[in-house]
Structures are given as structure tokens and as C-alpha cells.
Amino acid sequence: MKQVIFIVTGGELGDPGFLWEQVAAVKPAAVICADRGARHLQAAGIIPTLIVGDMDSLDAESARLYEAQGCRFVRHPREKDETDTELALGEAFRMAPAEVWIWAAMGFRIDHTLANLSLLVQGAEQGVEVKLIDEWCEVFLVTRRRVLAGEEGQTVSLLPFGGQASGVTLTGFEYPLTKAVLAVGHPRGTSNRLVRREGIIEIEKGSLLAVRYFRPGAFPGEVRR
């Protein structure tokens, strides 16, 4: 069984119940908090394996509570080059996982969201599947070939990441492509949809940032009657 590690950061978590459900279903080998992310676990009723960071956002009472429950701390100085999430990802890589799911990594501050998106590159370099996830969607990097198991009608957007992506072939999508070029500044791959329970993404050169929404036709911020 593949080893999955969860990282919880200090951004917008959304429904803590969804995180709790995924912890119960996936049974991650470890749950690592990036400093302020520990606050989210209190709401979800989850005890972290490890808390990483400069601890500038974790109150002393919470820290004592977690220590009493066996949680380990890796403390770093406030003046540092890495973000707390990057430090947490480094700890996750040391555990040799197959996958890392990063929670509460989107929303609130766009600069933090962009910084977290950039961490997906480290996953590709390490050969570890890293994704950002919340109750609405998952975001991951495709560098060669990805078979996306899902549900018909799910929206999947594919955007070139770090430069032009060429030789892009999409199978099982409403708008298929064959050896196409997706260029930065031309968001041609936005709002595609799965028409099968499995979609195949293939790239000859470059990489694509993929955003897959779990609920067909439903997106955050929309009011439905």
C-alpha cells in the first residue's frame, strides 16, 4: 500500500470534516503541521505527528497540549529562507512517501497560494506526487503522463507551468487535444471536462498545472438554488 503523508498549513482549510474523513479513509503515515496549521487540527479533532516552523503562530497553550499528546516539534528561527510549508515538505520527503497531500494551502493570501503552488516542482524533482487539496478541488503538476481516474462531468483545467508545454494530448475529455501547444498567457486549457471515468493527460515537453474539481458543475463561491 502506498505511503501518503498529509501536511496541514495555515491557509484556508474549509470544512474540517472533509479533512477528518480523508484522514480516516486514507490513513496517512503521518500528519505534519506547518506552524499555524496546527490550529486547523484542533477543529478537526486530529493529533498531528509533527509540527514544523518558527512557531510564531502557535500559542503556548496549544503547544503544551500537543506535546502532552506525543506530538513532536521541529523548531526553526523566524529569520529563515524557507516558508514553514516548505520546511514541512522537507520533513515529509525524509519519510520517503509515495504521495504528499497539502491542506489549507489555498485561499486568504494569493502570494502564499502561489508559493505553495511552486512547491509542486519539488515533488516532481523528488519523484513524489505532491498535490494541494481542499473540499472543492485538487491541484497537481503533470510532467509526462497522468491517468486521471474520476467522474464524468468533473471540470479539469490545465495550464502551462514554468513555460510552454508542447505535445499535449488529452484523451477522455470534452475538448480533446493531439500534440497541441499550450502557451503561458493563453489559458486555452481552462474549464475542460471529463467525459469518461478516466482521462489521460500526456505531455512531450514542459509541464502542466492541473486543477480538478471534485463535484461536477459545482465551484466555490457560487450560490445554488
Foldseek 3Di string as FASTA:
>chain_A
DFAEEEEFEQADAPDLCVVLVCCVVVVHPFYEYLQNRLVSCVVNVDQGQEYEEQNPNPDPVSVVVNVVVPHYYDHDHPPDDDGSVVVRVVVVVVVVGQEYEYGNQDDDDVVSVVVVVVCLVVCVVSNHWYWYDHLWKIKHKDFFKDKDAADFQKWKAKAFDPFKWFQKFKDQKPDTDGRHIHGPPDRPRGGITGHDRIMMIGTDGGMIIMIITHDRPDDPPDDDD
